[in-house]
Amino acid sequence: MAEHVVIGAGSIGTNVARLLVKRGESVRIVTRGGSGPEHPLIERVAADASDPARVTELSRGAKVIYHCANPPSYTMWEHLLPPLQTAVIAAAKANDAVLALAGSLYAYGRQPGGRMNEHTPMAATGRKGRLRRRMWEQALAAGIRTVEVRGSDYIGKDANGIYSLLIEPALKKGRAAWITGDLDLPHTFTFNGDMAQALITLAHDERAWGRAWHVPSPPAVTIRELARRYAVAAGLPPVKLIRMPRFAMRTAGLVVPIAREMAEMDYQWYAPFLMDATETADTFGLTATDLDTAIRDQVGARGGEHAEGRPRSAR
C-alpha cells in the first residue's frame, strides 16, 4: 500500500516521486503506459487515470494524491482534462486523501501590468483559462482537503518549454531561433523541482488547504537574457533570436488547430508576465532555486556538447 499516489510521470510527477522517496516514503505512479522513475519505493502502474473506480482502487490507504498529469497538446485539453479531474476528486473523496493539484496561471487571464499574486481574480476569457478555473472550482466544491499549486513556464531537467522546443535545437545546430513573443519583456519562469517541493510541502500543511498558492520562482527575466544564460551553461555561442510576427501564428491557426490554441495564450509573451509568490514563501518558508542552477540542471540533462566536452546524456 503506497502512502502517496502520483498521477502522471512528466517532469513534475517524476520530481514529486523522487523527492518523496528521498524521505523514505512509498509512492505509486499511475500513467497510461506504466512509465516513471525506477526506485525500490516506487511502484509504477499502467492504468487509465480518467477512470474514477480504478483511481479510487489504486489510492486505497494513500495520504495524498498528486495530480500532475497534463495532456501533451493543447488540442486535447478539453477532452482529457475534465475526466482526469473528476477521477482524482472521486478518489480523494473515497479515500479521505489530500488532493494536491499542479496548476498554472492560465485561470487569471490577462492582468494589468502582467502581475499576479495568490489573490489575483480568475478572470480568464480564453477556453483553456476558463477550463482551469472550472476544474479548480470543482475541486473546491467537492468537500475534500485540496490545494492547487500554481507555477509559471517550467525550466529544469526534462521540462517541456521554451528551451527544449526553441532554444536547444537552435543551439545544437548553430542556427537562429524563431520566437513568438517580445524578446525584451520580463517573464517569470518556474523551476520544476521547486514546483514538486511546493506540492509536497503544501499537501502536508493544513494551512494550505482550500486555496491556491504560487511557487516561489527566480526573478523574472527576458527571453533574450534567458537564451544567453542557456548558451553560457551549455558552453556554446549565443543563439541568434528572431522575433516571429504575431500575426503568423494567428494566421496559421485558421487551418492548424495547435497554432490556434497557442495563439490564444500568446498574451503571456507580448506583455510582462510576473508571478508573485511572496505569501507562499512567507507562510511556508519556501525559497526559489537560483535561475542559473535551474538552467544548469536542464542543460546538463539535455544539452549537447557543453563546456566540459562531455557527450549528451541519454534520456
C-alpha atoms as a PDB file:
ATOM      1  CA  MET A   1       0.000   0.000   0.000  1.00  0.00           C
ATOM      2  CA  ALA A   2       1.511   3.295  -1.129  1.00  0.00           C
ATOM      3  CA  GLU A   3       1.450   6.375   1.095  1.00  0.00           C
ATOM      4  CA  HIS A   4       1.399   8.657  -1.929  1.00  0.00           C
ATOM      5  CA  VAL A   5      -0.202   8.299  -5.359  1.00  0.00           C
ATOM      6  CA  VAL A   6       1.180  10.406  -8.206  1.00  0.00           C
ATOM      7  CA  ILE A   7      -0.884  10.772 -11.364  1.00  0.00           C
ATOM      8  CA  GLY A   8       1.444  11.433 -14.302  1.00  0.00           C
ATOM      9  CA  ALA A   9       5.168  10.883 -14.820  1.00  0.00           C
ATOM     10  CA  GLY A  10       6.166  14.060 -16.629  1.00  0.00           C
ATOM     11  CA  SER A  11       8.769  16.368 -15.145  1.00  0.00           C
ATOM     12  CA  ILE A  12       6.531  17.382 -12.214  1.00  0.00           C
ATOM     13  CA  GLY A  13       5.222  13.920 -11.313  1.00  0.00           C
ATOM     14  CA  THR A  14       8.705  12.452 -11.608  1.00  0.00           C
ATOM     15  CA  ASN A  15      10.194  15.153  -9.375  1.00  0.00           C
ATOM     16  CA  VAL A  16       7.432  14.666  -6.791  1.00  0.00           C
ATOM     17  CA  ALA A  17       8.071  10.925  -6.701  1.00  0.00           C
ATOM     18  CA  ARG A  18      11.828  11.332  -6.354  1.00  0.00           C
ATOM     19  CA  LEU A  19      11.536  13.864  -3.541  1.00  0.00           C
ATOM     20  CA  LEU A  20       9.115  11.619  -1.651  1.00  0.00           C
ATOM     21  CA  VAL A  21      11.274   8.502  -1.843  1.00  0.00           C
ATOM     22  CA  LYS A  22      14.252  10.529  -0.621  1.00  0.00           C
ATOM     23  CA  ARG A  23      12.184  10.956   2.531  1.00  0.00           C
ATOM     24  CA  GLY A  24      11.696   7.192   2.713  1.00  0.00           C
ATOM     25  CA  GLU A  25       8.027   7.279   1.707  1.00  0.00           C
ATOM     26  CA  SER A  26       6.395   4.824  -0.669  1.00  0.00           C
ATOM     27  CA  VAL A  27       4.974   6.061  -3.955  1.00  0.00           C
ATOM     28  CA  ARG A  28       2.685   4.661  -6.618  1.00  0.00           C
ATOM     29  CA  ILE A  29       2.895   6.371 -10.021  1.00  0.00           C
ATOM     30  CA  VAL A  30      -0.094   5.932 -12.302  1.00  0.00           C
ATOM     31  CA  THR A  31       0.278   6.510 -16.030  1.00  0.00           C
ATOM     32  CA  ARG A  32      -1.389   5.041 -19.088  1.00  0.00           C
ATOM     33  CA  GLY A  33       1.781   3.206 -20.090  1.00  0.00           C
ATOM     34  CA  GLY A  34       3.246   2.405 -16.661  1.00  0.00           C
ATOM     35  CA  SER A  35       6.183   4.812 -17.019  1.00  0.00           C
ATOM     36  CA  GLY A  36       8.088   6.659 -14.303  1.00  0.00           C
ATOM     37  CA  PRO A  37      11.422   6.598 -12.473  1.00  0.00           C
ATOM     38  CA  GLU A  38      12.792   3.300 -11.209  1.00  0.00           C
ATOM     39  CA  HIS A  39      13.266   3.027  -7.439  1.00  0.00           C
ATOM     40  CA  PRO A  40      12.562   0.323  -4.828  1.00  0.00           C
ATOM     41  CA  LEU A  41       9.992   2.582  -3.136  1.00  0.00           C
ATOM     42  CA  ILE A  42       8.222   3.474  -6.406  1.00  0.00           C
ATOM     43  CA  GLU A  43       5.542   1.235  -7.859  1.00  0.00           C
ATOM     44  CA  ARG A  44       4.654   2.031 -11.468  1.00  0.00           C
ATOM     45  CA  VAL A  45       1.132   1.139 -12.546  1.00  0.00           C
ATOM     46  CA  ALA A  46      -0.342   1.240 -16.041  1.00  0.00           C
ATOM     47  CA  ALA A  47      -3.937   2.421 -15.770  1.00  0.00           C
ATOM     48  CA  ASP A  48      -6.460   4.852 -17.178  1.00  0.00           C
ATOM     49  CA  ALA A  49      -6.341   7.733 -14.705  1.00  0.00           C
ATOM     50  CA  SER A  50      -9.647   9.085 -16.009  1.00  0.00           C
ATOM     51  CA  ASP A  51     -11.453   6.020 -14.621  1.00  0.00           C
ATOM     52  CA  PRO A  52     -12.771   7.040 -11.155  1.00  0.00           C
ATOM     53  CA  ALA A  53     -13.195   3.454  -9.934  1.00  0.00           C
ATOM     54  CA  ARG A  54      -9.684   2.458 -10.974  1.00  0.00           C
ATOM     55  CA  VAL A  55      -8.015   5.546  -9.486  1.00  0.00           C
ATOM     56  CA  THR A  56     -10.020   5.085  -6.267  1.00  0.00           C
ATOM     57  CA  GLU A  57      -8.830   1.494  -6.048  1.00  0.00           C
ATOM     58  CA  LEU A  58      -5.209   2.452  -6.664  1.00  0.00           C
ATOM     59  CA  SER A  59      -5.391   5.174  -3.998  1.00  0.00           C
ATOM     60  CA  ARG A  60      -6.537   2.972  -1.110  1.00  0.00           C
ATOM     61  CA  GLY A  61      -4.657   3.990   2.032  1.00  0.00           C
ATOM     62  CA  ALA A  62      -2.874   6.932   0.403  1.00  0.00           C
ATOM     63  CA  LYS A  63      -2.271  10.096   2.414  1.00  0.00           C
ATOM     64  CA  VAL A  64      -2.015  12.311  -0.649  1.00  0.00           C
ATOM     65  CA  ILE A  65      -2.930  12.111  -4.322  1.00  0.00           C
ATOM     66  CA  TYR A  66      -0.786  14.368  -6.522  1.00  0.00           C
ATOM     67  CA  HIS A  67      -2.473  15.212  -9.823  1.00  0.00           C
ATOM     68  CA  CYS A  68       0.452  16.062 -12.114  1.00  0.00           C
ATOM     69  CA  ALA A  69      -0.885  14.745 -15.416  1.00  0.00           C
ATOM     70  CA  ASN A  70      -1.169  17.107 -18.356  1.00  0.00           C
ATOM     71  CA  PRO A  71      -2.040  16.211 -21.967  1.00  0.00           C
ATOM     72  CA  PRO A  72       0.924  16.894 -24.268  1.00  0.00           C
ATOM     73  CA  SER A  73      -1.110  19.022 -26.672  1.00  0.00           C
ATOM     74  CA  TYR A  74      -3.452  21.962 -26.093  1.00  0.00           C
ATOM     75  CA  THR A  75      -5.847  20.414 -28.599  1.00  0.00           C
ATOM     76  CA  MET A  76      -6.525  17.562 -26.154  1.00  0.00           C
ATOM     77  CA  TRP A  77      -7.220  19.622 -23.038  1.00  0.00           C
ATOM     78  CA  GLU A  78     -10.989  19.961 -23.170  1.00  0.00           C
ATOM     79  CA  HIS A  79     -11.376  16.282 -23.990  1.00  0.00           C
ATOM     80  CA  LEU A  80      -8.911  14.779 -21.496  1.00  0.00           C
ATOM     81  CA  LEU A  81      -8.541  17.108 -18.507  1.00  0.00           C
ATOM     82  CA  PRO A  82     -12.119  17.117 -17.126  1.00  0.00           C
ATOM     83  CA  PRO A  83     -12.337  13.290 -16.793  1.00  0.00           C
ATOM     84  CA  LEU A  84      -8.947  13.234 -15.073  1.00  0.00           C
ATOM     85  CA  GLN A  85     -10.090  15.903 -12.614  1.00  0.00           C
ATOM     86  CA  THR A  86     -13.334  14.083 -11.871  1.00  0.00           C
ATOM     87  CA  ALA A  87     -11.462  10.823 -11.265  1.00  0.00           C
ATOM     88  CA  VAL A  88      -8.876  12.216  -8.845  1.00  0.00           C
ATOM     89  CA  ILE A  89     -11.543  14.112  -6.908  1.00  0.00           C
ATOM     90  CA  ALA A  90     -13.582  10.920  -6.569  1.00  0.00           C
ATOM     91  CA  ALA A  91     -10.502   9.012  -5.391  1.00  0.00           C
ATOM     92  CA  ALA A  92      -9.582  11.662  -2.825  1.00  0.00           C
ATOM     93  CA  LYS A  93     -13.126  11.730  -1.501  1.00  0.00           C
ATOM     94  CA  ALA A  94     -13.474   7.956  -1.246  1.00  0.00           C
ATOM     95  CA  ASN A  95     -10.114   7.533   0.493  1.00  0.00           C
ATOM     96  CA  ASP A  96     -10.081  10.710   2.611  1.00  0.00           C
ATOM     97  CA  ALA A  97      -6.805  11.697   0.961  1.00  0.00           C
ATOM     98  CA  VAL A  98      -5.468  15.194   0.366  1.00  0.00           C
ATOM     99  CA  LEU A  99      -5.626  16.155  -3.298  1.00  0.00           C
ATOM    100  CA  ALA A 100      -2.659  18.269  -4.444  1.00  0.00           C
ATOM    101  CA  LEU A 101      -3.108  19.793  -7.895  1.00  0.00           C
ATOM    102  CA  ALA A 102      -0.288  21.027 -10.126  1.00  0.00           C
ATOM    103  CA  GLY A 103      -1.833  24.181 -11.579  1.00  0.00           C
ATOM    104  CA  SER A 104      -0.881  27.050 -13.844  1.00  0.00           C
ATOM    105  CA  LEU A 105      -1.519  30.777 -14.202  1.00  0.00           C
ATOM    106  CA  TYR A 106      -3.977  30.338 -17.066  1.00  0.00           C
ATOM    107  CA  ALA A 107      -7.104  30.930 -14.973  1.00  0.00           C
ATOM    108  CA  TYR A 108      -6.065  34.542 -14.330  1.00  0.00           C
ATOM    109  CA  GLY A 109      -6.075  35.552 -17.980  1.00  0.00           C
ATOM    110  CA  ARG A 110      -4.625  38.938 -18.941  1.00  0.00           C
ATOM    111  CA  GLN A 111      -3.860  41.070 -15.882  1.00  0.00           C
ATOM    112  CA  PRO A 112      -2.930  44.781 -15.626  1.00  0.00           C
ATOM    113  CA  GLY A 113       0.831  45.044 -15.891  1.00  0.00           C
ATOM    114  CA  GLY A 114       1.010  41.261 -16.150  1.00  0.00           C
ATOM    115  CA  ARG A 115       1.231  40.930 -12.364  1.00  0.00           C
ATOM    116  CA  MET A 116      -0.333  38.007 -10.495  1.00  0.00           C
ATOM    117  CA  ASN A 117      -0.259  37.084  -6.820  1.00  0.00           C
ATOM    118  CA  GLU A 118      -2.127  34.467  -4.790  1.00  0.00           C
ATOM    119  CA  HIS A 119      -5.227  36.686  -4.603  1.00  0.00           C
ATOM    120  CA  THR A 120      -5.476  37.744  -8.246  1.00  0.00           C
ATOM    121  CA  PRO A 121      -9.027  37.080  -9.509  1.00  0.00           C
ATOM    122  CA  MET A 122      -9.508  34.276 -12.009  1.00  0.00           C
ATOM    123  CA  ALA A 123     -10.625  36.385 -14.963  1.00  0.00           C
ATOM    124  CA  ALA A 124      -9.571  34.347 -17.998  1.00  0.00           C
ATOM    125  CA  THR A 125     -11.732  34.695 -21.089  1.00  0.00           C
ATOM    126  CA  GLY A 126      -9.987  32.070 -23.242  1.00  0.00           C
ATOM    127  CA  ARG A 127     -11.091  28.432 -23.360  1.00  0.00           C
ATOM    128  CA  LYS A 128      -8.071  26.991 -21.584  1.00  0.00           C
ATOM    129  CA  GLY A 129      -8.122  29.579 -18.810  1.00  0.00           C
ATOM    130  CA  ARG A 130     -11.835  29.077 -18.214  1.00  0.00           C
ATOM    131  CA  LEU A 131     -11.283  25.323 -18.137  1.00  0.00           C
ATOM    132  CA  ARG A 132      -8.597  25.664 -15.489  1.00  0.00           C
ATOM    133  CA  ARG A 133     -10.901  27.835 -13.416  1.00  0.00           C
ATOM    134  CA  ARG A 134     -13.783  25.337 -13.677  1.00  0.00           C
ATOM    135  CA  MET A 135     -11.585  22.459 -12.614  1.00  0.00           C
ATOM    136  CA  TRP A 136     -10.294  24.277  -9.544  1.00  0.00           C
ATOM    137  CA  GLU A 137     -13.819  25.320  -8.576  1.00  0.00           C
ATOM    138  CA  GLN A 138     -14.904  21.697  -8.992  1.00  0.00           C
ATOM    139  CA  ALA A 139     -12.239  20.581  -6.524  1.00  0.00           C
ATOM    140  CA  LEU A 140     -13.200  23.279  -4.020  1.00  0.00           C
ATOM    141  CA  ALA A 141     -16.863  22.290  -4.204  1.00  0.00           C
ATOM    142  CA  ALA A 142     -16.172  18.587  -3.667  1.00  0.00           C
ATOM    143  CA  GLY A 143     -15.846  18.720   0.130  1.00  0.00           C
ATOM    144  CA  ILE A 144     -12.285  17.350   0.146  1.00  0.00           C
ATOM    145  CA  ARG A 145      -8.961  18.561   1.503  1.00  0.00           C
ATOM    146  CA  THR A 146      -7.311  20.053  -1.538  1.00  0.00           C
ATOM    147  CA  VAL A 147      -4.719  22.590  -2.601  1.00  0.00           C
ATOM    148  CA  GLU A 148      -3.678  23.917  -6.003  1.00  0.00           C
ATOM    149  CA  VAL A 149      -0.074  24.974  -6.530  1.00  0.00           C
ATOM    150  CA  ARG A 150       0.426  27.311  -9.482  1.00  0.00           C
ATOM    151  CA  GLY A 151       3.652  27.895 -11.351  1.00  0.00           C
ATOM    152  CA  SER A 152       4.726  29.730 -14.478  1.00  0.00           C
ATOM    153  CA  ASP A 153       6.521  28.278 -17.516  1.00  0.00           C
ATOM    154  CA  TYR A 154       8.804  25.457 -16.419  1.00  0.00           C
ATOM    155  CA  ILE A 155      12.553  25.194 -16.664  1.00  0.00           C
ATOM    156  CA  GLY A 156      14.709  22.380 -15.315  1.00  0.00           C
ATOM    157  CA  LYS A 157      15.530  18.800 -16.221  1.00  0.00           C
ATOM    158  CA  ASP A 158      13.003  17.297 -18.671  1.00  0.00           C
ATOM    159  CA  ALA A 159      10.859  20.444 -18.662  1.00  0.00           C
ATOM    160  CA  ASN A 160       8.949  20.841 -21.912  1.00  0.00           C
ATOM    161  CA  GLY A 161       9.072  24.526 -22.744  1.00  0.00           C
ATOM    162  CA  ILE A 162      10.931  27.354 -24.411  1.00  0.00           C
ATOM    163  CA  TYR A 163      14.354  25.750 -24.038  1.00  0.00           C
ATOM    164  CA  SER A 164      13.539  22.241 -25.244  1.00  0.00           C
ATOM    165  CA  LEU A 165      11.264  23.414 -28.051  1.00  0.00           C
ATOM    166  CA  LEU A 166      13.053  26.504 -29.378  1.00  0.00           C
ATOM    167  CA  ILE A 167      16.415  27.368 -27.835  1.00  0.00           C
ATOM    168  CA  GLU A 168      18.054  23.951 -27.547  1.00  0.00           C
ATOM    169  CA  PRO A 169      17.529  22.932 -31.202  1.00  0.00           C
ATOM    170  CA  ALA A 170      18.961  26.268 -32.339  1.00  0.00           C
ATOM    171  CA  LEU A 171      21.969  25.991 -30.008  1.00  0.00           C
ATOM    172  CA  LYS A 172      22.743  22.451 -31.132  1.00  0.00           C
ATOM    173  CA  LYS A 173      22.542  23.312 -34.827  1.00  0.00           C
ATOM    174  CA  GLY A 174      24.176  26.726 -34.572  1.00  0.00           C
ATOM    175  CA  ARG A 175      21.227  28.470 -36.189  1.00  0.00           C
ATOM    176  CA  ALA A 176      18.739  31.167 -35.248  1.00  0.00           C
ATOM    177  CA  ALA A 177      15.724  30.517 -33.038  1.00  0.00           C
ATOM    178  CA  TRP A 178      12.373  31.871 -34.161  1.00  0.00           C
ATOM    179  CA  ILE A 179      10.444  33.131 -31.145  1.00  0.00           C
ATOM    180  CA  THR A 180       6.795  34.106 -30.852  1.00  0.00           C
ATOM    181  CA  GLY A 181       6.768  36.953 -28.359  1.00  0.00           C
ATOM    182  CA  ASP A 182       8.574  40.100 -27.292  1.00  0.00           C
ATOM    183  CA  LEU A 183      12.200  39.251 -26.598  1.00  0.00           C
ATOM    184  CA  ASP A 184      12.769  42.050 -24.100  1.00  0.00           C
ATOM    185  CA  LEU A 185       9.883  41.863 -21.633  1.00  0.00           C
ATOM    186  CA  PRO A 186      10.237  40.266 -18.187  1.00  0.00           C
ATOM    187  CA  HIS A 187       8.720  36.818 -17.753  1.00  0.00           C
ATOM    188  CA  THR A 188       8.638  34.554 -14.698  1.00  0.00           C
ATOM    189  CA  PHE A 189       9.974  31.029 -15.130  1.00  0.00           C
ATOM    190  CA  THR A 190       9.458  28.297 -12.514  1.00  0.00           C
ATOM    191  CA  PHE A 191      11.938  25.528 -11.744  1.00  0.00           C
ATOM    192  CA  ASN A 192      10.084  22.227 -11.936  1.00  0.00           C
ATOM    193  CA  GLY A 193      11.928  20.975  -8.863  1.00  0.00           C
ATOM    194  CA  ASP A 194      10.524  23.910  -6.894  1.00  0.00           C
ATOM    195  CA  MET A 195       7.018  23.052  -8.101  1.00  0.00           C
ATOM    196  CA  ALA A 196       7.428  19.499  -6.853  1.00  0.00           C
ATOM    197  CA  GLN A 197       8.741  20.668  -3.476  1.00  0.00           C
ATOM    198  CA  ALA A 198       5.867  23.125  -3.104  1.00  0.00           C
ATOM    199  CA  LEU A 199       3.291  20.441  -3.914  1.00  0.00           C
ATOM    200  CA  ILE A 200       4.660  18.142  -1.224  1.00  0.00           C
ATOM    201  CA  THR A 201       5.073  20.860   1.398  1.00  0.00           C
ATOM    202  CA  LEU A 202       1.596  22.342   0.929  1.00  0.00           C
ATOM    203  CA  ALA A 203      -0.137  18.966   0.726  1.00  0.00           C
ATOM    204  CA  HIS A 204       1.151  18.217   4.231  1.00  0.00           C
ATOM    205  CA  ASP A 205       0.230  21.568   5.790  1.00  0.00           C
ATOM    206  CA  GLU A 206      -3.428  22.142   6.617  1.00  0.00           C
ATOM    207  CA  ARG A 207      -2.887  25.907   6.399  1.00  0.00           C
ATOM    208  CA  ALA A 208      -2.581  25.457   2.644  1.00  0.00           C
ATOM    209  CA  TRP A 209      -5.790  23.515   2.043  1.00  0.00           C
ATOM    210  CA  GLY A 210      -8.776  25.085   0.364  1.00  0.00           C
ATOM    211  CA  ARG A 211      -6.969  27.655  -1.756  1.00  0.00           C
ATOM    212  CA  ALA A 212      -4.344  28.199  -4.431  1.00  0.00           C
ATOM    213  CA  TRP A 213      -0.717  29.193  -3.863  1.00  0.00           C
ATOM    214  CA  HIS A 214       2.177  30.218  -6.093  1.00  0.00           C
ATOM    215  CA  VAL A 215       5.556  28.523  -6.378  1.00  0.00           C
ATOM    216  CA  PRO A 216       8.458  30.759  -5.296  1.00  0.00           C
ATOM    217  CA  SER A 217      10.375  31.371  -8.529  1.00  0.00           C
ATOM    218  CA  PRO A 218      13.506  33.284  -9.594  1.00  0.00           C
ATOM    219  CA  PRO A 219      13.181  36.959 -10.550  1.00  0.00           C
ATOM    220  CA  ALA A 220      11.647  37.452 -13.986  1.00  0.00           C
ATOM    221  CA  VAL A 221      13.993  37.689 -16.964  1.00  0.00           C
ATOM    222  CA  THR A 222      13.580  38.432 -20.646  1.00  0.00           C
ATOM    223  CA  ILE A 223      13.646  35.725 -23.296  1.00  0.00           C
ATOM    224  CA  ARG A 224      16.837  37.285 -24.641  1.00  0.00           C
ATOM    225  CA  GLU A 225      18.549  37.036 -21.256  1.00  0.00           C
ATOM    226  CA  LEU A 226      17.267  33.501 -20.684  1.00  0.00           C
ATOM    227  CA  ALA A 227      18.673  32.361 -24.033  1.00  0.00           C
ATOM    228  CA  ARG A 228      22.029  33.984 -23.215  1.00  0.00           C
ATOM    229  CA  ARG A 229      22.233  32.126 -19.916  1.00  0.00           C
ATOM    230  CA  TYR A 230      21.381  28.818 -21.565  1.00  0.00           C
ATOM    231  CA  ALA A 231      24.203  29.345 -24.062  1.00  0.00           C
ATOM    232  CA  VAL A 232      26.650  30.098 -21.256  1.00  0.00           C
ATOM    233  CA  ALA A 233      25.569  26.977 -19.359  1.00  0.00           C
ATOM    234  CA  ALA A 234      25.977  24.855 -22.498  1.00  0.00           C
ATOM    235  CA  GLY A 235      29.371  26.371 -23.293  1.00  0.00           C
ATOM    236  CA  LEU A 236      28.143  27.407 -26.738  1.00  0.00           C
ATOM    237  CA  PRO A 237      27.998  30.706 -28.644  1.00  0.00           C
ATOM    238  CA  PRO A 238      24.860  32.787 -28.023  1.00  0.00           C
ATOM    239  CA  VAL A 239      21.941  31.838 -30.216  1.00  0.00           C
ATOM    240  CA  LYS A 240      20.506  34.462 -32.531  1.00  0.00           C
ATOM    241  CA  LEU A 241      16.857  35.182 -31.740  1.00  0.00           C
ATOM    242  CA  ILE A 242      14.396  36.243 -34.433  1.00  0.00           C
ATOM    243  CA  ARG A 243      11.009  37.565 -33.406  1.00  0.00           C
ATOM    244  CA  MET A 244       8.249  35.918 -35.397  1.00  0.00           C
ATOM    245  CA  PRO A 245       5.442  38.306 -36.451  1.00  0.00           C
ATOM    246  CA  ARG A 246       2.499  37.928 -34.104  1.00  0.00           C
ATOM    247  CA  PHE A 247       0.052  37.515 -36.961  1.00  0.00           C
ATOM    248  CA  ALA A 248       1.932  34.429 -38.223  1.00  0.00           C
ATOM    249  CA  MET A 249       0.644  32.094 -35.513  1.00  0.00           C
ATOM    250  CA  ARG A 250      -2.838  33.578 -35.699  1.00  0.00           C
ATOM    251  CA  THR A 251      -2.928  33.153 -39.462  1.00  0.00           C
ATOM    252  CA  ALA A 252      -1.682  29.575 -39.199  1.00  0.00           C
ATOM    253  CA  GLY A 253      -4.399  28.956 -36.624  1.00  0.00           C
ATOM    254  CA  LEU A 254      -7.039  29.355 -39.298  1.00  0.00           C
ATOM    255  CA  VAL A 255      -6.084  25.912 -40.598  1.00  0.00           C
ATOM    256  CA  VAL A 256      -3.775  24.362 -37.966  1.00  0.00           C
ATOM    257  CA  PRO A 257      -5.530  23.527 -34.653  1.00  0.00           C
ATOM    258  CA  ILE A 258      -2.414  23.590 -32.452  1.00  0.00           C
ATOM    259  CA  ALA A 259      -1.404  27.002 -33.838  1.00  0.00           C
ATOM    260  CA  ARG A 260      -4.867  28.320 -32.977  1.00  0.00           C
ATOM    261  CA  GLU A 261      -4.571  27.017 -29.425  1.00  0.00           C
ATOM    262  CA  MET A 262      -1.117  28.563 -28.994  1.00  0.00           C
ATOM    263  CA  ALA A 263      -2.280  31.905 -30.366  1.00  0.00           C
ATOM    264  CA  GLU A 264      -4.981  32.015 -27.684  1.00  0.00           C
ATOM    265  CA  MET A 265      -2.297  32.078 -25.000  1.00  0.00           C
ATOM    266  CA  ASP A 266       0.219  34.370 -26.704  1.00  0.00           C
ATOM    267  CA  TYR A 267      -0.692  37.326 -24.477  1.00  0.00           C
ATOM    268  CA  GLN A 268       1.728  35.800 -21.960  1.00  0.00           C
ATOM    269  CA  TRP A 269       4.630  36.608 -24.294  1.00  0.00           C
ATOM    270  CA  TYR A 270       3.644  40.088 -25.544  1.00  0.00           C
ATOM    271  CA  ALA A 271       3.408  41.796 -22.156  1.00  0.00           C
ATOM    272  CA  PRO A 272       5.215  41.436 -18.835  1.00  0.00           C
ATOM    273  CA  PHE A 273       4.255  38.133 -17.174  1.00  0.00           C
ATOM    274  CA  LEU A 274       5.086  38.381 -13.494  1.00  0.00           C
ATOM    275  CA  MET A 275       4.161  35.848 -10.818  1.00  0.00           C
ATOM    276  CA  ASP A 276       4.444  36.953  -7.188  1.00  0.00           C
ATOM    277  CA  ALA A 277       4.780  34.133  -4.632  1.00  0.00           C
ATOM    278  CA  THR A 278       5.599  36.270  -1.609  1.00  0.00           C
ATOM    279  CA  GLU A 279       2.740  34.931   0.506  1.00  0.00           C
ATOM    280  CA  THR A 280       3.660  31.327  -0.189  1.00  0.00           C
ATOM    281  CA  ALA A 281       7.307  31.968   0.663  1.00  0.00           C
ATOM    282  CA  ASP A 282       6.477  33.815   3.864  1.00  0.00           C
ATOM    283  CA  THR A 283       3.891  31.293   5.051  1.00  0.00           C
ATOM    284  CA  PHE A 284       5.751  28.060   4.356  1.00  0.00           C
ATOM    285  CA  GLY A 285       9.397  29.099   4.281  1.00  0.00           C
ATOM    286  CA  LEU A 286       9.887  28.016   0.681  1.00  0.00           C
ATOM    287  CA  THR A 287      12.528  29.662  -1.498  1.00  0.00           C
ATOM    288  CA  ALA A 288      13.230  29.661  -5.215  1.00  0.00           C
ATOM    289  CA  THR A 289      16.128  27.802  -6.760  1.00  0.00           C
ATOM    290  CA  ASP A 290      18.611  30.175  -8.379  1.00  0.00           C
ATOM    291  CA  LEU A 291      17.870  30.652 -12.089  1.00  0.00           C
ATOM    292  CA  ASP A 292      21.326  29.616 -13.252  1.00  0.00           C
ATOM    293  CA  THR A 293      21.182  26.496 -11.089  1.00  0.00           C
ATOM    294  CA  ALA A 294      17.886  25.539 -12.724  1.00  0.00           C
ATOM    295  CA  ILE A 295      19.332  26.215 -16.168  1.00  0.00           C
ATOM    296  CA  ARG A 296      22.393  24.060 -15.481  1.00  0.00           C
ATOM    297  CA  ASP A 297      20.078  21.296 -14.279  1.00  0.00           C
ATOM    298  CA  GLN A 298      18.296  21.360 -17.622  1.00  0.00           C
ATOM    299  CA  VAL A 299      21.337  21.803 -19.864  1.00  0.00           C
ATOM    300  CA  GLY A 300      23.237  19.104 -18.008  1.00  0.00           C
ATOM    301  CA  ALA A 301      20.411  16.671 -18.662  1.00  0.00           C
ATOM    302  CA  ARG A 302      19.582  17.710 -22.216  1.00  0.00           C
ATOM    303  CA  GLY A 303      22.498  19.715 -23.576  1.00  0.00           C
ATOM    304  CA  GLY A 304      24.702  18.562 -26.380  1.00  0.00           C
ATOM    305  CA  GLU A 305      28.436  19.257 -26.248  1.00  0.00           C
ATOM    306  CA  HIS A 306      28.943  21.509 -23.260  1.00  0.00           C
ATOM    307  CA  ALA A 307      31.869  23.292 -21.721  1.00  0.00           C
ATOM    308  CA  GLU A 308      33.494  20.167 -20.286  1.00  0.00           C
ATOM    309  CA  GLY A 309      33.215  18.429 -23.685  1.00  0.00           C
ATOM    310  CA  ARG A 310      31.139  15.531 -22.371  1.00  0.00           C
ATOM    311  CA  PRO A 311      28.681  13.931 -24.777  1.00  0.00           C
ATOM    312  CA  ARG A 312      24.974  14.391 -24.350  1.00  0.00           C
ATOM    313  CA  SER A 313      23.414  12.121 -21.737  1.00  0.00           C
ATOM    314  CA  ALA A 314      20.859   9.568 -22.853  1.00  0.00           C
ATOM    315  CA  ARG A 315      17.321  10.448 -21.908  1.00  0.00           C
END
